Amino acid sequence: SSGINAEWPLRPGAHLISHGVNHGIHAVLVPIRDKQLNVLPDVLVEEMGYKMGLNGVDNAKLTFDNVRVPIDNLLDKYSQLSEDGELTSDIKSTRARFLAVADQLLAGRICIASMCIGGAKASLAIAIKYSATRLTVGKKEKSTDCDSALIPLL
């Protein structure tokens, strides 16, 4: 989520319920703060704490308790909800609609994981180059460069 400081985060996993019928999970924009940035009633915003990388990203754990959202907040690329609460969609299956929305989120998560792997590879390359200029710990007459000690292990 855009958690701790956001006023309008995307809620990708909300059940769309209209006239007592659950139409499955849809993406909606849910206000979590008022204009003074106070957390709204029935919304809980919690810091996620330390993350393994990307700690500068503004994430939070969001909990909603029966929050009602206006029809206009529905991201309606795959489903439309009329003013009288009738759902229309070219994708008939609730599961297929969910997967269409989730696919967009999955692509972003794969990109983030790929960036982390790229960063780890670059860090390892820098560490190996640096280690090539250093001597290993030991008696001076038995010291060796890291290339002969480290590189075979990598």
N, C-alpha and C. Protein backbone atom coordinates (compact mmCIF):
# COMPACT_ATOMS: atom_id res chain seq x y z
N SER A 1 0.84 -1.19 0.00
CA SER A 1 0.00 0.00 0.00
C SER A 1 0.87 1.23 0.00
N SER A 2 0.26 2.37 -0.13
CA SER A 2 0.96 3.64 -0.01
C SER A 2 0.79 4.15 1.41
N GLY A 3 0.85 3.33 2.29
CA GLY A 3 0.44 3.33 3.66
C GLY A 3 0.55 4.50 4.58
N ILE A 4 1.67 4.68 5.21
CA ILE A 4 1.76 5.52 6.39
C ILE A 4 1.34 6.96 6.11
N ASN A 5 1.70 7.52 4.98
CA ASN A 5 1.43 8.94 4.72
C ASN A 5 0.36 9.21 3.68
N ALA A 6 -0.20 8.19 3.08
CA ALA A 6 -1.14 8.39 1.98
C ALA A 6 -2.52 8.78 2.48
N GLU A 7 -3.23 9.49 1.62
CA GLU A 7 -4.62 9.81 1.90
C GLU A 7 -5.55 8.88 1.13
N TRP A 8 -5.10 8.42 -0.06
CA TRP A 8 -5.93 7.58 -0.93
C TRP A 8 -5.12 6.38 -1.44
N PRO A 9 -5.01 5.31 -0.70
CA PRO A 9 -4.29 4.16 -1.24
C PRO A 9 -5.19 3.29 -2.10
N LEU A 10 -4.57 2.51 -2.96
CA LEU A 10 -5.30 1.52 -3.75
C LEU A 10 -5.55 0.31 -2.85
N ARG A 11 -6.77 -0.16 -2.84
CA ARG A 11 -7.12 -1.38 -2.10
C ARG A 11 -7.44 -2.44 -3.14
N PRO A 12 -6.45 -3.29 -3.51
CA PRO A 12 -6.68 -4.22 -4.61
C PRO A 12 -7.52 -5.43 -4.25
N GLY A 13 -7.78 -5.69 -2.98
CA GLY A 13 -8.47 -6.91 -2.63
C GLY A 13 -9.75 -6.69 -1.85
N ALA A 14 -10.61 -5.82 -2.32
CA ALA A 14 -11.86 -5.56 -1.60
C ALA A 14 -13.01 -6.31 -2.26
N HIS A 15 -13.85 -6.90 -1.43
CA HIS A 15 -15.04 -7.57 -1.96
C HIS A 15 -16.05 -6.50 -2.38
N LEU A 16 -16.55 -6.61 -3.58
CA LEU A 16 -17.58 -5.71 -4.08
C LEU A 16 -18.93 -6.33 -3.76
N ILE A 17 -19.64 -5.71 -2.84
CA ILE A 17 -20.95 -6.23 -2.42
C ILE A 17 -22.00 -5.18 -2.76
N SER A 18 -22.99 -5.61 -3.53
CA SER A 18 -24.07 -4.72 -3.93
C SER A 18 -25.39 -5.47 -3.79
N HIS A 19 -26.35 -4.87 -3.11
CA HIS A 19 -27.65 -5.50 -2.87
C HIS A 19 -27.49 -6.88 -2.22
N GLY A 20 -26.48 -7.00 -1.35
CA GLY A 20 -26.25 -8.25 -0.64
C GLY A 20 -25.56 -9.33 -1.45
N VAL A 21 -25.20 -9.04 -2.70
CA VAL A 21 -24.53 -10.02 -3.56
C VAL A 21 -23.04 -9.70 -3.60
N ASN A 22 -22.21 -10.71 -3.30
CA ASN A 22 -20.76 -10.55 -3.37
C ASN A 22 -20.32 -10.83 -4.80
N HIS A 23 -19.80 -9.80 -5.47
CA HIS A 23 -19.37 -9.91 -6.87
C HIS A 23 -17.88 -10.23 -6.98
N GLY A 24 -17.26 -10.63 -5.89
CA GLY A 24 -15.85 -10.99 -5.92
C GLY A 24 -14.95 -9.81 -5.58
N ILE A 25 -13.68 -10.06 -5.73
CA ILE A 25 -12.66 -9.07 -5.34
C ILE A 25 -12.41 -8.11 -6.50
N HIS A 26 -12.41 -6.82 -6.16
CA HIS A 26 -12.17 -5.76 -7.14
C HIS A 26 -11.18 -4.75 -6.58
N ALA A 27 -10.61 -3.95 -7.47
CA ALA A 27 -9.70 -2.88 -7.05
C ALA A 27 -10.50 -1.59 -6.87
N VAL A 28 -10.30 -0.94 -5.75
CA VAL A 28 -10.97 0.33 -5.46
C VAL A 28 -10.00 1.28 -4.78
N LEU A 29 -10.29 2.57 -4.89
CA LEU A 29 -9.56 3.58 -4.13
C LEU A 29 -10.34 3.82 -2.84
N VAL A 30 -9.66 3.67 -1.73
CA VAL A 30 -10.33 3.81 -0.43
C VAL A 30 -9.68 4.96 0.33
N PRO A 31 -10.46 5.98 0.70
CA PRO A 31 -9.88 7.04 1.51
C PRO A 31 -9.57 6.50 2.91
N ILE A 32 -8.35 6.78 3.39
CA ILE A 32 -8.00 6.32 4.74
C ILE A 32 -7.77 7.49 5.69
N ARG A 33 -7.73 8.72 5.14
CA ARG A 33 -7.50 9.91 5.97
C ARG A 33 -8.44 11.03 5.54
N ASP A 34 -8.71 11.92 6.49
CA ASP A 34 -9.48 13.12 6.17
C ASP A 34 -8.53 14.20 5.64
N LYS A 35 -9.03 15.39 5.38
CA LYS A 35 -8.22 16.47 4.81
C LYS A 35 -7.10 16.92 5.75
N GLN A 36 -7.27 16.68 7.06
CA GLN A 36 -6.23 17.02 8.04
C GLN A 36 -5.27 15.84 8.27
N LEU A 37 -5.40 14.79 7.44
CA LEU A 37 -4.59 13.59 7.47
C LEU A 37 -4.77 12.75 8.73
N ASN A 38 -5.93 12.89 9.37
CA ASN A 38 -6.27 12.00 10.49
C ASN A 38 -6.87 10.72 9.92
N VAL A 39 -6.52 9.59 10.52
CA VAL A 39 -7.04 8.31 10.05
C VAL A 39 -8.55 8.28 10.26
N LEU A 40 -9.28 7.83 9.23
CA LEU A 40 -10.74 7.77 9.28
C LEU A 40 -11.22 6.64 10.20
N PRO A 41 -12.46 6.75 10.69
CA PRO A 41 -13.03 5.66 11.50
C PRO A 41 -13.09 4.37 10.68
N ASP A 42 -12.99 3.25 11.35
CA ASP A 42 -13.05 1.92 10.75
C ASP A 42 -11.85 1.60 9.87
N VAL A 43 -10.79 2.41 9.97
CA VAL A 43 -9.55 2.16 9.24
C VAL A 43 -8.42 2.09 10.26
N LEU A 44 -7.58 1.08 10.14
CA LEU A 44 -6.40 0.94 11.00
C LEU A 44 -5.17 0.97 10.11
N VAL A 45 -4.23 1.87 10.42
CA VAL A 45 -2.99 2.01 9.66
C VAL A 45 -1.84 1.64 10.59
N GLU A 46 -1.05 0.64 10.19
CA GLU A 46 0.07 0.19 11.02
C GLU A 46 1.36 0.20 10.21
N GLU A 47 2.44 0.66 10.84
CA GLU A 47 3.77 0.62 10.24
C GLU A 47 4.19 -0.83 10.06
N MET A 48 4.82 -1.14 8.94
CA MET A 48 5.25 -2.51 8.69
C MET A 48 6.59 -2.83 9.33
N GLY A 49 7.32 -1.80 9.77
CA GLY A 49 8.62 -2.04 10.39
C GLY A 49 9.70 -2.28 9.36
N TYR A 50 10.79 -2.84 9.82
CA TYR A 50 11.95 -3.08 8.96
C TYR A 50 11.62 -4.11 7.88
N LYS A 51 12.05 -3.80 6.66
CA LYS A 51 11.88 -4.73 5.55
C LYS A 51 13.27 -5.06 5.01
N MET A 52 13.42 -6.20 4.43
CA MET A 52 14.71 -6.58 3.85
C MET A 52 14.87 -5.86 2.51
N GLY A 53 15.31 -4.63 2.54
CA GLY A 53 15.47 -3.84 1.33
C GLY A 53 14.26 -2.95 1.10
N LEU A 54 14.44 -1.93 0.29
CA LEU A 54 13.39 -0.97 -0.07
C LEU A 54 12.70 -0.37 1.15
N ASN A 55 13.48 -0.07 2.19
CA ASN A 55 12.90 0.53 3.39
C ASN A 55 12.41 1.95 3.15
N GLY A 56 12.84 2.58 2.07
CA GLY A 56 12.37 3.93 1.77
C GLY A 56 10.98 3.96 1.17
N VAL A 57 10.42 2.80 0.84
CA VAL A 57 9.07 2.73 0.27
C VAL A 57 8.05 2.90 1.38
N ASP A 58 7.07 3.75 1.14
CA ASP A 58 6.05 4.07 2.15
C ASP A 58 4.99 2.99 2.19
N ASN A 59 5.28 1.88 2.85
CA ASN A 59 4.31 0.79 2.98
C ASN A 59 3.72 0.77 4.37
N ALA A 60 2.54 0.24 4.47
CA ALA A 60 1.89 0.07 5.77
C ALA A 60 0.91 -1.09 5.68
N LYS A 61 0.56 -1.60 6.82
CA LYS A 61 -0.50 -2.61 6.89
C LYS A 61 -1.80 -1.85 7.12
N LEU A 62 -2.77 -2.07 6.24
CA LEU A 62 -4.06 -1.39 6.33
C LEU A 62 -5.13 -2.42 6.67
N THR A 63 -5.98 -2.08 7.63
CA THR A 63 -7.10 -2.94 7.99
C THR A 63 -8.37 -2.11 7.90
N PHE A 64 -9.39 -2.66 7.23
CA PHE A 64 -10.66 -1.98 7.06
C PHE A 64 -11.75 -2.79 7.75
N ASP A 65 -12.66 -2.11 8.43
CA ASP A 65 -13.75 -2.78 9.11
C ASP A 65 -15.08 -2.24 8.58
N ASN A 66 -15.65 -2.94 7.60
CA ASN A 66 -16.93 -2.55 6.98
C ASN A 66 -16.91 -1.13 6.45
N VAL A 67 -15.87 -0.79 5.74
CA VAL A 67 -15.76 0.55 5.14
C VAL A 67 -16.59 0.59 3.87
N ARG A 68 -17.43 1.60 3.75
CA ARG A 68 -18.25 1.79 2.54
C ARG A 68 -17.52 2.77 1.63
N VAL A 69 -17.56 2.46 0.33
CA VAL A 69 -16.83 3.26 -0.65
C VAL A 69 -17.81 3.67 -1.75
N PRO A 70 -17.76 4.93 -2.20
CA PRO A 70 -18.65 5.36 -3.28
C PRO A 70 -18.38 4.60 -4.58
N ILE A 71 -19.41 4.47 -5.42
CA ILE A 71 -19.29 3.77 -6.70
C ILE A 71 -18.17 4.35 -7.56
N ASP A 72 -17.99 5.67 -7.52
CA ASP A 72 -16.97 6.32 -8.34
C ASP A 72 -15.56 5.88 -8.00
N ASN A 73 -15.34 5.25 -6.84
CA ASN A 73 -13.99 4.82 -6.43
C ASN A 73 -13.61 3.46 -7.01
N LEU A 74 -14.54 2.78 -7.67
CA LEU A 74 -14.24 1.49 -8.28
C LEU A 74 -13.37 1.71 -9.51
N LEU A 75 -12.25 1.01 -9.57
CA LEU A 75 -11.43 1.04 -10.78
C LEU A 75 -12.10 0.09 -11.77
N ASP A 76 -12.74 0.68 -12.77
CA ASP A 76 -13.71 -0.08 -13.57
C ASP A 76 -13.23 -0.49 -14.95
N LYS A 77 -11.97 -0.85 -15.06
CA LYS A 77 -11.49 -1.34 -16.36
C LYS A 77 -12.17 -2.66 -16.73
N TYR A 78 -12.42 -3.51 -15.73
CA TYR A 78 -12.97 -4.84 -16.00
C TYR A 78 -14.42 -4.99 -15.56
N SER A 79 -14.89 -4.14 -14.67
CA SER A 79 -16.26 -4.23 -14.17
C SER A 79 -16.82 -2.83 -13.98
N GLN A 80 -18.11 -2.66 -14.25
CA GLN A 80 -18.77 -1.38 -14.01
C GLN A 80 -19.96 -1.64 -13.10
N LEU A 81 -20.18 -0.69 -12.20
CA LEU A 81 -21.31 -0.78 -11.29
C LEU A 81 -22.18 0.44 -11.53
N SER A 82 -23.43 0.20 -11.88
CA SER A 82 -24.35 1.30 -12.16
C SER A 82 -24.76 1.98 -10.86
N GLU A 83 -25.40 3.14 -10.99
CA GLU A 83 -25.87 3.89 -9.82
C GLU A 83 -26.86 3.08 -8.99
N ASP A 84 -27.61 2.18 -9.65
CA ASP A 84 -28.58 1.37 -8.90
C ASP A 84 -27.98 0.05 -8.41
N GLY A 85 -26.63 -0.11 -8.58
CA GLY A 85 -25.95 -1.26 -7.99
C GLY A 85 -25.85 -2.50 -8.84
N GLU A 86 -26.13 -2.38 -10.15
CA GLU A 86 -26.04 -3.54 -11.04
C GLU A 86 -24.64 -3.63 -11.64
N LEU A 87 -24.04 -4.82 -11.56
CA LEU A 87 -22.69 -5.04 -12.06
C LEU A 87 -22.74 -5.52 -13.51
N THR A 88 -21.89 -4.92 -14.35
CA THR A 88 -21.72 -5.41 -15.72
C THR A 88 -20.22 -5.60 -15.95
N SER A 89 -19.90 -6.64 -16.73
CA SER A 89 -18.50 -6.92 -17.03
C SER A 89 -18.42 -7.81 -18.24
N ASP A 90 -17.39 -7.61 -19.07
CA ASP A 90 -17.14 -8.51 -20.20
C ASP A 90 -16.56 -9.83 -19.70
N ILE A 91 -15.97 -9.80 -18.50
CA ILE A 91 -15.41 -11.02 -17.91
C ILE A 91 -16.46 -11.56 -16.95
N LYS A 92 -17.05 -12.69 -17.29
CA LYS A 92 -18.20 -13.21 -16.54
C LYS A 92 -17.83 -13.88 -15.22
N SER A 93 -16.69 -14.52 -15.15
CA SER A 93 -16.29 -15.26 -13.95
C SER A 93 -15.67 -14.32 -12.91
N THR A 94 -16.09 -14.45 -11.65
CA THR A 94 -15.49 -13.62 -10.59
C THR A 94 -14.00 -13.94 -10.45
N ARG A 95 -13.63 -15.19 -10.60
CA ARG A 95 -12.21 -15.58 -10.51
C ARG A 95 -11.41 -14.95 -11.64
N ALA A 96 -11.93 -14.99 -12.84
CA ALA A 96 -11.22 -14.41 -13.99
C ALA A 96 -11.06 -12.89 -13.82
N ARG A 97 -12.08 -12.22 -13.28
CA ARG A 97 -11.96 -10.77 -13.02
C ARG A 97 -10.88 -10.49 -12.01
N PHE A 98 -10.84 -11.29 -10.93
CA PHE A 98 -9.81 -11.12 -9.91
C PHE A 98 -8.42 -11.33 -10.51
N LEU A 99 -8.25 -12.37 -11.31
CA LEU A 99 -6.94 -12.65 -11.90
C LEU A 99 -6.51 -11.55 -12.86
N ALA A 100 -7.46 -10.93 -13.56
CA ALA A 100 -7.13 -9.82 -14.47
C ALA A 100 -6.56 -8.65 -13.68
N VAL A 101 -7.13 -8.35 -12.51
CA VAL A 101 -6.64 -7.25 -11.67
C VAL A 101 -5.32 -7.66 -11.01
N ALA A 102 -5.26 -8.88 -10.47
CA ALA A 102 -4.07 -9.34 -9.76
C ALA A 102 -2.87 -9.41 -10.69
N ASP A 103 -3.10 -9.70 -11.96
CA ASP A 103 -2.01 -9.79 -12.93
C ASP A 103 -1.23 -8.47 -13.00
N GLN A 104 -1.93 -7.36 -12.91
CA GLN A 104 -1.27 -6.06 -12.95
C GLN A 104 -0.36 -5.87 -11.75
N LEU A 105 -0.82 -6.31 -10.58
CA LEU A 105 -0.02 -6.18 -9.36
C LEU A 105 1.16 -7.14 -9.37
N LEU A 106 0.95 -8.34 -9.90
CA LEU A 106 2.00 -9.34 -9.94
C LEU A 106 3.18 -8.86 -10.77
N ALA A 107 2.91 -8.23 -11.90
CA ALA A 107 3.98 -7.73 -12.76
C ALA A 107 4.87 -6.74 -12.00
N GLY A 108 4.27 -5.88 -11.21
CA GLY A 108 5.04 -4.93 -10.42
C GLY A 108 5.91 -5.60 -9.38
N ARG A 109 5.36 -6.62 -8.73
CA ARG A 109 6.14 -7.35 -7.72
C ARG A 109 7.31 -8.10 -8.35
N ILE A 110 7.10 -8.65 -9.54
CA ILE A 110 8.20 -9.33 -10.23
C ILE A 110 9.30 -8.34 -10.59
N CYS A 111 8.91 -7.14 -11.02
CA CYS A 111 9.91 -6.11 -11.34
C CYS A 111 10.72 -5.73 -10.10
N ILE A 112 10.06 -5.59 -8.96
CA ILE A 112 10.77 -5.25 -7.73
C ILE A 112 11.75 -6.35 -7.36
N ALA A 113 11.32 -7.62 -7.44
CA ALA A 113 12.21 -8.74 -7.13
C ALA A 113 13.40 -8.75 -8.09
N SER A 114 13.16 -8.48 -9.37
CA SER A 114 14.24 -8.44 -10.35
C SER A 114 15.24 -7.35 -10.03
N MET A 115 14.75 -6.17 -9.62
CA MET A 115 15.65 -5.08 -9.25
C MET A 115 16.50 -5.47 -8.05
N CYS A 116 15.91 -6.17 -7.09
CA CYS A 116 16.67 -6.60 -5.90
C CYS A 116 17.75 -7.59 -6.28
N ILE A 117 17.45 -8.51 -7.19
CA ILE A 117 18.45 -9.48 -7.64
C ILE A 117 19.58 -8.75 -8.38
N GLY A 118 19.22 -7.78 -9.21
CA GLY A 118 20.23 -7.00 -9.91
C GLY A 118 21.13 -6.25 -8.94
N GLY A 119 20.53 -5.67 -7.90
CA GLY A 119 21.32 -4.98 -6.88
C GLY A 119 22.25 -5.92 -6.14
N ALA A 120 21.77 -7.12 -5.85
CA ALA A 120 22.61 -8.11 -5.15
C ALA A 120 23.77 -8.55 -6.04
N LYS A 121 23.52 -8.74 -7.34
CA LYS A 121 24.59 -9.12 -8.26
C LYS A 121 25.64 -8.02 -8.35
N ALA A 122 25.20 -6.78 -8.45
CA ALA A 122 26.14 -5.67 -8.53
C ALA A 122 26.96 -5.56 -7.25
N SER A 123 26.31 -5.74 -6.11
CA SER A 123 27.03 -5.69 -4.83
C SER A 123 28.06 -6.80 -4.74
N LEU A 124 27.71 -7.99 -5.18
CA LEU A 124 28.65 -9.11 -5.16
C LEU A 124 29.84 -8.83 -6.08
N ALA A 125 29.59 -8.27 -7.25
CA ALA A 125 30.68 -7.95 -8.17
C ALA A 125 31.64 -6.93 -7.55
N ILE A 126 31.09 -5.92 -6.91
CA ILE A 126 31.92 -4.91 -6.24
C ILE A 126 32.72 -5.54 -5.12
N ALA A 127 32.09 -6.40 -4.33
CA ALA A 127 32.78 -7.06 -3.22
C ALA A 127 33.91 -7.95 -3.73
N ILE A 128 33.68 -8.66 -4.82
CA ILE A 128 34.73 -9.54 -5.36
C ILE A 128 35.90 -8.71 -5.88
N LYS A 129 35.60 -7.62 -6.60
CA LYS A 129 36.68 -6.75 -7.09
C LYS A 129 37.48 -6.16 -5.94
N TYR A 130 36.78 -5.73 -4.90
CA TYR A 130 37.47 -5.17 -3.74
C TYR A 130 38.32 -6.23 -3.05
N SER A 131 37.78 -7.44 -2.92
CA SER A 131 38.50 -8.50 -2.23
C SER A 131 39.78 -8.88 -2.96
N ALA A 132 39.81 -8.66 -4.28
CA ALA A 132 41.00 -8.99 -5.05
C ALA A 132 42.19 -8.11 -4.67
N THR A 133 41.93 -6.96 -4.07
CA THR A 133 43.02 -6.05 -3.67
C THR A 133 43.47 -6.27 -2.24
N ARG A 134 42.81 -7.17 -1.53
CA ARG A 134 43.09 -7.38 -0.11
C ARG A 134 43.85 -8.68 0.12
N LEU A 135 44.56 -8.73 1.22
CA LEU A 135 45.21 -9.97 1.64
C LEU A 135 44.33 -10.66 2.65
N THR A 136 44.35 -11.97 2.65
CA THR A 136 43.57 -12.70 3.64
C THR A 136 44.28 -12.63 4.98
N VAL A 137 43.56 -12.92 6.04
CA VAL A 137 44.13 -12.87 7.38
C VAL A 137 45.04 -14.08 7.57
N GLY A 138 46.16 -13.87 8.20
CA GLY A 138 47.10 -14.96 8.49
C GLY A 138 48.49 -14.40 8.68
N LYS A 139 49.39 -15.31 8.97
CA LYS A 139 50.78 -14.88 9.13
C LYS A 139 51.26 -14.30 7.81
N LYS A 140 52.13 -13.29 7.93
CA LYS A 140 52.56 -12.59 6.73
C LYS A 140 53.16 -13.53 5.70
N GLU A 141 53.95 -14.47 6.15
CA GLU A 141 54.57 -15.37 5.18
C GLU A 141 53.57 -16.36 4.58
N LYS A 142 52.38 -16.51 5.21
CA LYS A 142 51.37 -17.43 4.70
C LYS A 142 50.17 -16.70 4.11
N SER A 143 50.21 -15.36 4.07
CA SER A 143 49.08 -14.61 3.51
C SER A 143 48.97 -14.89 2.02
N THR A 144 47.75 -14.82 1.56
CA THR A 144 47.49 -15.02 0.13
C THR A 144 46.45 -13.99 -0.29
N ASP A 145 46.37 -13.73 -1.57
CA ASP A 145 45.33 -12.80 -1.99
C ASP A 145 43.98 -13.52 -1.99
N CYS A 146 42.92 -12.75 -1.97
CA CYS A 146 41.57 -13.33 -1.87
C CYS A 146 41.18 -14.08 -3.12
N ASP A 147 41.78 -13.74 -4.28
CA ASP A 147 41.41 -14.43 -5.50
C ASP A 147 41.59 -15.94 -5.37
N SER A 148 42.73 -16.33 -4.83
CA SER A 148 42.97 -17.77 -4.74
C SER A 148 42.15 -18.43 -3.64
N ALA A 149 41.73 -17.67 -2.64
CA ALA A 149 40.95 -18.24 -1.54
C ALA A 149 39.44 -18.14 -1.79
N LEU A 150 38.99 -17.03 -2.35
CA LEU A 150 37.56 -16.74 -2.44
C LEU A 150 36.93 -17.15 -3.78
N ILE A 151 37.58 -16.86 -4.85
CA ILE A 151 36.99 -17.05 -6.18
C ILE A 151 36.59 -18.50 -6.44
N PRO A 152 37.37 -19.51 -6.07
CA PRO A 152 36.91 -20.87 -6.32
C PRO A 152 35.59 -21.19 -5.63
N LEU A 153 35.31 -20.53 -4.51
CA LEU A 153 34.07 -20.78 -3.79
C LEU A 153 32.87 -20.14 -4.48
N LEU A 154 33.10 -19.09 -5.26
CA LEU A 154 32.00 -18.39 -5.92
C LEU A 154 31.77 -18.96 -7.29
